[in-house]
Amino acid sequence: MTDTQAGAAAAVGPVVSVILPTYNRGNFIGEAVESVLSQGFTSFELIVVDDGSSDNTAEVMQGLADPRVIYLRQANKGRSNARNHALSRARGRYIAFLDSDDLYMPGKLAMQVEYLDAHPATGMVYTSAHCIDYSGNPLPENYRASVSGWIYTSIAFFRPVTITLPTVMARRELFEKAGGFDENMHRFEDTDMWRRISKLARIDAMPAFTCRLRTHTENSLAAQDPAQIVGALDYYVRKILAEDTAVGTLVKKRGIGSLYYYYGRAFLTVPAWKAAGRQLLRTAYRYWFFLWFRQLAVTAYHWVSPDNVSWLRRSRAAALESRKKNDDRPPE
């Protein structure tokens, strides 16, 4: 590449913008950044937004000098705000994400760029991911990417697909059309984003493993506040009901019932959460009762519709006429 070509490429911007929010992850941020810098693919910018860290994150970042790394500091406003801040600065035609305790595997960026370049009808791709523990040791759990297409219902209702944020790469214009991450959400905000994108574009699964996702004890279900999970779930459901007006009522009711049922069953596995779990199951059954009652009404209408009533009348008249003829027949 000549100096002129290199200058032109720099003016156009990188192919990929990798967005990495962080908060007090000084013990992991260096390894996360290095997993991006060591990618064989080089046409990227890495936008790190420090969301008000009070640990040694700034010192670690100062030791990672690389012209492709943009380090931004802000007051603590939450990870959705941090991602939106980075999106507003992104120049790449594709957007990728990484959390500050997770890792890219070699070849991740190149593989997804090649796929999106070759499939212009696809707006977003996601991959499989390995899970690791706090120390980086492999865990038996994995996330496998398998569902492709116009997959709104699979994404919106968490079944049967789970899209993990670091495995995603998407076209930048989709975020402009869908809007940023909802800054009122502190849970399910990534799923909410994929839900909105899934109404705009095809999403494809790439079965390859491209990320290692770190699991922390504080992220386990038992270590969290059930009231916050229920509140976040209720907020997410209200968004679906308000925003997804083109989606059929039956589809939404069935999916929402499944959401509450899934978390209700999960809550029942934590002894202190059983009351909350039973409440979630009751909510699920209310949505499913609507479906049952609707189906009952449809069935009833089918049987009492004018055509069927007319058919029943004709059948009854024919039966009565046949009986009358038999009654009038002289005995043999």
Protein backbone atom coordinates (compact mmCIF):
# COMPACT_ATOMS: atom_id res chain seq x y z
CA MET A 1 0.00 0.00 0.00
CA THR A 2 1.40 3.40 -0.95
CA ASP A 3 1.46 6.37 1.43
CA THR A 4 -1.38 7.91 -0.58
CA GLN A 5 -3.50 4.76 -0.28
CA ALA A 6 -2.77 4.48 3.43
CA GLY A 7 -3.79 8.09 3.94
CA ALA A 8 -7.01 7.55 2.00
CA ALA A 9 -7.83 4.46 4.07
CA ALA A 10 -7.23 6.38 7.29
CA ALA A 11 -9.50 9.19 6.11
CA VAL A 12 -12.31 6.75 5.35
CA GLY A 13 -11.96 5.18 8.78
CA PRO A 14 -11.46 1.67 10.08
CA VAL A 15 -13.56 -1.27 8.97
CA VAL A 16 -14.56 -2.18 12.54
CA SER A 17 -15.19 -0.18 15.69
CA VAL A 18 -14.85 -2.35 18.80
CA ILE A 19 -16.74 -0.92 21.78
CA LEU A 20 -15.51 -1.80 25.26
CA PRO A 21 -17.10 -0.21 28.36
CA THR A 22 -15.37 -0.81 31.69
CA TYR A 23 -15.91 -0.10 35.36
CA ASN A 24 -13.37 -1.11 38.01
CA ARG A 25 -11.94 -3.99 35.99
CA GLY A 26 -8.30 -2.98 36.21
CA ASN A 27 -7.38 -6.60 36.91
CA PHE A 28 -8.90 -7.75 33.59
CA ILE A 29 -8.92 -4.77 31.22
CA GLY A 30 -5.35 -5.24 30.02
CA GLU A 31 -5.94 -8.84 28.93
CA ALA A 32 -9.21 -7.86 27.23
CA VAL A 33 -7.55 -5.06 25.25
CA GLU A 34 -4.63 -7.28 24.26
CA SER A 35 -7.06 -9.87 22.89
CA VAL A 36 -8.24 -7.20 20.44
CA LEU A 37 -4.82 -5.79 19.60
CA SER A 38 -3.48 -9.27 18.84
CA GLN A 39 -6.11 -9.97 16.19
CA GLY A 40 -4.55 -10.66 12.80
CA PHE A 41 -7.11 -8.26 11.33
CA THR A 42 -5.80 -4.72 11.82
CA SER A 43 -8.36 -2.29 10.35
CA PHE A 44 -10.15 -1.51 13.60
CA GLU A 45 -10.44 1.09 16.30
CA LEU A 46 -10.96 0.07 19.92
CA ILE A 47 -13.05 2.57 21.87
CA VAL A 48 -12.68 2.01 25.62
CA VAL A 49 -15.12 4.00 27.76
CA ASP A 50 -14.11 4.10 31.42
CA ASP A 51 -17.40 4.58 33.27
CA GLY A 52 -16.01 6.29 36.36
CA SER A 53 -13.60 3.60 37.58
CA SER A 54 -11.97 4.21 40.96
CA ASP A 55 -9.33 1.46 40.67
CA ASN A 56 -6.16 1.28 38.56
CA THR A 57 -7.93 1.08 35.19
CA ALA A 58 -6.50 4.42 33.99
CA GLU A 59 -2.94 3.35 34.85
CA VAL A 60 -3.36 0.05 33.01
CA MET A 61 -4.71 1.82 29.94
CA GLN A 62 -1.81 4.28 29.91
CA GLY A 63 0.53 1.33 29.58
CA LEU A 64 -1.31 0.06 26.48
CA ALA A 65 -0.31 2.79 24.06
CA ASP A 66 -1.56 1.98 20.57
CA PRO A 67 -2.89 4.46 17.97
CA ARG A 68 -5.93 2.24 17.39
CA VAL A 69 -7.05 2.55 21.03
CA ILE A 70 -9.28 5.48 22.01
CA TYR A 71 -9.58 5.81 25.79
CA LEU A 72 -12.48 7.93 27.06
CA ARG A 73 -13.28 8.67 30.70
CA GLN A 74 -16.65 9.77 32.04
CA ALA A 75 -18.58 9.97 35.30
CA ASN A 76 -20.36 6.76 36.21
CA LYS A 77 -23.55 6.62 34.11
CA GLY A 78 -23.97 2.90 33.50
CA ARG A 79 -22.86 0.53 30.77
CA SER A 80 -25.66 1.43 28.35
CA ASN A 81 -24.63 5.08 28.46
CA ALA A 82 -20.99 4.07 28.03
CA ARG A 83 -21.82 1.99 24.95
CA ASN A 84 -23.88 4.82 23.50
CA HIS A 85 -21.00 7.23 24.10
CA ALA A 86 -18.71 4.90 22.16
CA LEU A 87 -21.29 4.45 19.38
CA SER A 88 -21.43 8.22 18.94
CA ARG A 89 -17.67 8.22 18.32
CA ALA A 90 -17.49 5.08 16.17
CA ARG A 91 -16.26 5.42 12.57
CA GLY A 92 -16.21 1.78 11.45
CA ARG A 93 -18.78 0.41 9.05
CA TYR A 94 -19.15 -2.56 11.39
CA ILE A 95 -19.64 -2.48 15.16
CA ALA A 96 -18.33 -5.14 17.54
CA PHE A 97 -18.46 -5.32 21.33
CA LEU A 98 -16.35 -6.65 24.16
CA ASP A 99 -16.81 -6.53 27.93
CA SER A 100 -13.73 -5.70 29.96
CA ASP A 101 -13.46 -9.12 31.61
CA ASP A 102 -14.02 -11.17 28.44
CA LEU A 103 -11.65 -12.11 25.64
CA TYR A 104 -11.62 -12.34 21.86
CA MET A 105 -10.16 -15.49 20.37
CA PRO A 106 -7.74 -15.19 17.43
CA GLY A 107 -9.38 -14.51 14.07
CA LYS A 108 -12.67 -13.24 15.48
CA LEU A 109 -12.78 -9.91 13.67
CA ALA A 110 -11.49 -11.20 10.32
CA MET A 111 -14.00 -14.05 10.26
CA GLN A 112 -17.01 -11.82 10.87
CA VAL A 113 -15.89 -9.04 8.52
CA GLU A 114 -15.41 -11.60 5.74
CA TYR A 115 -18.89 -13.00 6.35
CA LEU A 116 -20.67 -9.63 6.39
CA ASP A 117 -18.80 -8.48 3.29
CA ALA A 118 -19.91 -11.65 1.49
CA HIS A 119 -23.54 -11.49 2.69
CA PRO A 120 -24.89 -7.96 2.14
CA ALA A 121 -28.44 -9.06 3.05
CA THR A 122 -27.30 -9.98 6.57
CA GLY A 123 -27.28 -7.13 9.06
CA MET A 124 -25.77 -8.82 12.10
CA VAL A 125 -23.87 -11.99 12.97
CA TYR A 126 -23.17 -13.72 16.27
CA THR A 127 -21.07 -16.74 17.20
CA SER A 128 -20.60 -19.44 19.78
CA ALA A 129 -18.64 -18.69 22.96
CA HIS A 130 -16.73 -20.59 25.63
CA CYS A 131 -17.20 -19.84 29.34
CA ILE A 132 -14.23 -19.43 31.69
CA ASP A 133 -13.98 -18.92 35.44
CA TYR A 134 -12.50 -15.97 37.31
CA SER A 135 -8.97 -17.27 36.75
CA GLY A 136 -9.50 -18.01 33.06
CA ASN A 137 -9.94 -21.76 33.40
CA PRO A 138 -12.44 -23.36 30.99
CA LEU A 139 -15.91 -24.24 32.26
CA PRO A 140 -18.17 -26.94 30.83
CA GLU A 141 -20.86 -24.40 29.90
CA ASN A 142 -20.86 -22.98 26.39
CA TYR A 143 -23.12 -20.77 24.31
CA ARG A 144 -23.77 -22.16 20.85
CA ALA A 145 -24.95 -20.05 17.93
CA SER A 146 -27.45 -21.94 15.81
CA VAL A 147 -30.49 -19.86 14.81
CA SER A 148 -30.39 -17.65 11.69
CA GLY A 149 -32.84 -15.55 9.69
CA TRP A 150 -35.53 -13.08 10.61
CA ILE A 151 -35.59 -14.31 14.19
CA TYR A 152 -37.52 -11.71 16.15
CA THR A 153 -39.48 -14.16 18.30
CA SER A 154 -36.40 -16.26 19.10
CA ILE A 155 -34.53 -13.17 20.30
CA ALA A 156 -37.30 -11.20 21.98
CA PHE A 157 -38.41 -14.10 24.15
CA PHE A 158 -34.97 -15.62 24.80
CA ARG A 159 -36.01 -18.93 23.27
CA PRO A 160 -34.32 -20.84 21.80
CA VAL A 161 -31.47 -18.43 21.07
CA THR A 162 -29.12 -16.57 23.40
CA ILE A 163 -26.92 -13.94 21.76
CA THR A 164 -23.94 -12.99 23.91
CA LEU A 165 -22.77 -9.43 23.42
CA PRO A 166 -19.04 -10.00 22.72
CA THR A 167 -19.83 -12.42 19.88
CA VAL A 168 -21.81 -9.83 17.88
CA MET A 169 -20.78 -7.83 14.85
CA ALA A 170 -23.36 -5.65 13.07
CA ARG A 171 -23.59 -2.93 10.46
CA ARG A 172 -23.31 0.52 12.04
CA GLU A 173 -26.40 1.89 10.29
CA LEU A 174 -28.59 -0.60 12.16
CA PHE A 175 -27.75 1.08 15.46
CA GLU A 176 -28.58 4.44 13.93
CA LYS A 177 -31.98 3.12 12.83
CA ALA A 178 -32.76 1.12 15.97
CA GLY A 179 -31.58 3.79 18.39
CA GLY A 180 -29.01 3.39 21.13
CA PHE A 181 -29.02 1.10 24.12
CA ASP A 182 -31.85 1.91 26.52
CA GLU A 183 -30.16 3.73 29.40
CA ASN A 184 -33.07 2.96 31.71
CA MET A 185 -32.24 -0.73 31.47
CA HIS A 186 -29.60 -2.32 33.69
CA ARG A 187 -30.49 -5.84 32.63
CA PHE A 188 -31.58 -7.29 29.26
CA GLU A 189 -30.35 -4.12 27.52
CA ASP A 190 -28.38 -6.12 24.97
CA THR A 191 -31.31 -8.44 24.23
CA ASP A 192 -33.49 -5.36 23.86
CA MET A 193 -31.07 -4.03 21.24
CA TRP A 194 -30.99 -7.31 19.30
CA ARG A 195 -34.80 -7.38 19.46
CA ARG A 196 -34.98 -4.01 17.74
CA ILE A 197 -32.33 -4.92 15.17
CA SER A 198 -34.12 -8.21 14.42
CA LYS A 199 -37.07 -6.20 13.08
CA LEU A 200 -34.76 -4.38 10.66
CA ALA A 201 -32.43 -7.03 9.30
CA ARG A 202 -31.55 -10.67 8.95
CA ILE A 203 -29.33 -12.07 11.72
CA ASP A 204 -27.05 -15.03 11.05
CA ALA A 205 -25.42 -17.50 13.42
CA MET A 206 -21.79 -18.49 12.93
CA PRO A 207 -21.15 -21.76 14.80
CA ALA A 208 -17.43 -21.06 15.36
CA PHE A 209 -16.25 -20.16 18.87
CA THR A 210 -14.78 -16.64 18.87
CA CYS A 211 -14.94 -15.44 22.49
CA ARG A 212 -14.25 -16.48 26.06
CA LEU A 213 -16.81 -15.17 28.54
CA ARG A 214 -15.77 -14.86 32.17
CA THR A 215 -18.19 -16.03 34.87
CA HIS A 216 -18.14 -14.34 38.29
CA THR A 217 -19.66 -15.51 41.56
CA GLU A 218 -21.54 -12.23 41.90
CA ASN A 219 -23.23 -12.92 38.57
CA SER A 220 -24.82 -16.16 39.77
CA LEU A 221 -28.57 -16.09 40.24
CA ALA A 222 -28.43 -16.56 44.03
CA ALA A 223 -26.12 -13.55 44.45
CA GLN A 224 -28.54 -11.10 42.83
CA ASP A 225 -31.61 -9.17 43.95
CA PRO A 226 -34.81 -10.90 42.77
CA ALA A 227 -36.78 -7.64 42.93
CA GLN A 228 -34.38 -6.05 40.45
CA ILE A 229 -34.70 -8.98 38.05
CA VAL A 230 -38.51 -8.89 38.25
CA GLY A 231 -38.52 -5.12 37.75
CA ALA A 232 -36.22 -5.39 34.74
CA LEU A 233 -38.35 -8.16 33.26
CA ASP A 234 -41.55 -6.13 33.72
CA TYR A 235 -39.91 -3.11 32.06
CA TYR A 236 -38.74 -5.22 29.13
CA VAL A 237 -42.22 -6.70 28.68
CA ARG A 238 -43.79 -3.24 28.70
CA LYS A 239 -41.39 -2.24 25.90
CA ILE A 240 -42.42 -5.23 23.81
CA LEU A 241 -46.12 -4.46 24.27
CA ALA A 242 -45.64 -0.76 23.46
CA GLU A 243 -43.14 -0.94 20.60
CA ASP A 244 -43.78 -4.16 18.72
CA THR A 245 -47.22 -3.23 17.44
CA ALA A 246 -46.75 -5.08 14.15
CA VAL A 247 -46.27 -8.36 15.99
CA GLY A 248 -49.40 -10.44 16.48
CA THR A 249 -51.02 -10.38 19.90
CA LEU A 250 -50.97 -14.16 20.20
CA VAL A 251 -47.24 -14.28 19.43
CA LYS A 252 -46.47 -11.63 22.05
CA LYS A 253 -48.70 -13.15 24.73
CA ARG A 254 -47.25 -16.62 24.19
CA GLY A 255 -43.69 -15.29 24.27
CA ILE A 256 -44.21 -13.09 27.32
CA GLY A 257 -45.80 -16.00 29.17
CA SER A 258 -42.73 -18.08 28.36
CA LEU A 259 -40.43 -15.34 29.69
CA TYR A 260 -42.18 -15.22 33.05
CA TYR A 261 -42.37 -19.01 33.20
CA TYR A 262 -38.63 -19.37 32.49
CA TYR A 263 -37.63 -16.99 35.28
CA GLY A 264 -40.29 -18.33 37.63
CA ARG A 265 -38.88 -21.84 37.32
CA ALA A 266 -35.34 -20.49 37.81
CA PHE A 267 -36.36 -18.57 40.94
CA LEU A 268 -37.83 -21.74 42.48
CA THR A 269 -34.31 -23.22 42.56
CA VAL A 270 -33.22 -20.56 45.09
CA PRO A 271 -34.92 -21.23 48.47
CA ALA A 272 -35.17 -17.55 49.44
CA TRP A 273 -36.75 -16.66 46.10
CA LYS A 274 -39.59 -19.18 45.99
CA ALA A 275 -42.31 -16.60 46.72
CA ALA A 276 -41.07 -14.41 43.87
CA GLY A 277 -40.86 -17.48 41.65
CA ARG A 278 -44.46 -18.43 42.33
CA GLN A 279 -45.55 -14.87 41.54
CA LEU A 280 -43.74 -15.02 38.18
CA LEU A 281 -45.40 -18.34 37.40
CA ARG A 282 -48.81 -16.86 38.20
CA THR A 283 -48.04 -14.02 35.79
CA ALA A 284 -47.06 -16.56 33.12
CA TYR A 285 -50.29 -18.47 33.61
CA ARG A 286 -52.31 -15.25 33.23
CA TYR A 287 -50.77 -14.69 29.79
CA TRP A 288 -51.32 -18.32 28.85
CA PHE A 289 -54.93 -18.19 30.13
CA PHE A 290 -55.50 -15.39 27.62
CA LEU A 291 -54.27 -17.73 24.88
CA TRP A 292 -56.47 -20.58 26.12
CA PHE A 293 -59.52 -18.32 26.34
CA ARG A 294 -58.80 -16.86 22.89
CA GLN A 295 -58.47 -20.33 21.39
CA LEU A 296 -61.70 -21.38 23.10
CA ALA A 297 -63.46 -18.36 21.62
CA VAL A 298 -62.10 -19.13 18.15
CA THR A 299 -63.25 -22.73 18.45
CA ALA A 300 -66.67 -21.65 19.66
CA TYR A 301 -66.99 -19.17 16.80
CA HIS A 302 -66.01 -21.89 14.35
CA TRP A 303 -68.88 -24.06 15.54
CA VAL A 304 -71.48 -21.30 15.71
CA SER A 305 -70.44 -19.48 12.53
CA PRO A 306 -73.29 -18.95 10.02
CA ASP A 307 -71.99 -21.62 7.67
CA ASN A 308 -71.75 -24.22 10.40
CA VAL A 309 -75.13 -23.28 11.87
CA SER A 310 -76.66 -23.61 8.41
CA TRP A 311 -74.98 -26.99 7.96
CA LEU A 312 -76.25 -28.17 11.35
CA ARG A 313 -79.78 -27.07 10.47
CA ARG A 314 -79.66 -28.87 7.14
CA SER A 315 -78.29 -31.99 8.79
CA ARG A 316 -80.97 -31.91 11.47
CA ALA A 317 -83.72 -31.37 8.88
CA ALA A 318 -82.40 -34.27 6.80
CA ALA A 319 -82.29 -36.52 9.86
CA LEU A 320 -85.86 -35.60 10.81
CA GLU A 321 -87.07 -36.18 7.25
CA SER A 322 -85.39 -39.58 7.18
CA ARG A 323 -86.94 -40.53 10.51
CA LYS A 324 -90.38 -39.39 9.32
CA LYS A 325 -90.09 -41.55 6.20
CA ASN A 326 -89.11 -44.51 8.32
CA ASP A 327 -92.00 -43.88 10.71
CA ASP A 328 -94.48 -43.65 7.80
CA ARG A 329 -93.27 -46.90 6.21
CA PRO A 330 -95.85 -49.71 6.70
CA PRO A 331 -94.71 -52.63 8.81
CA GLU A 332 -93.52 -55.67 6.88
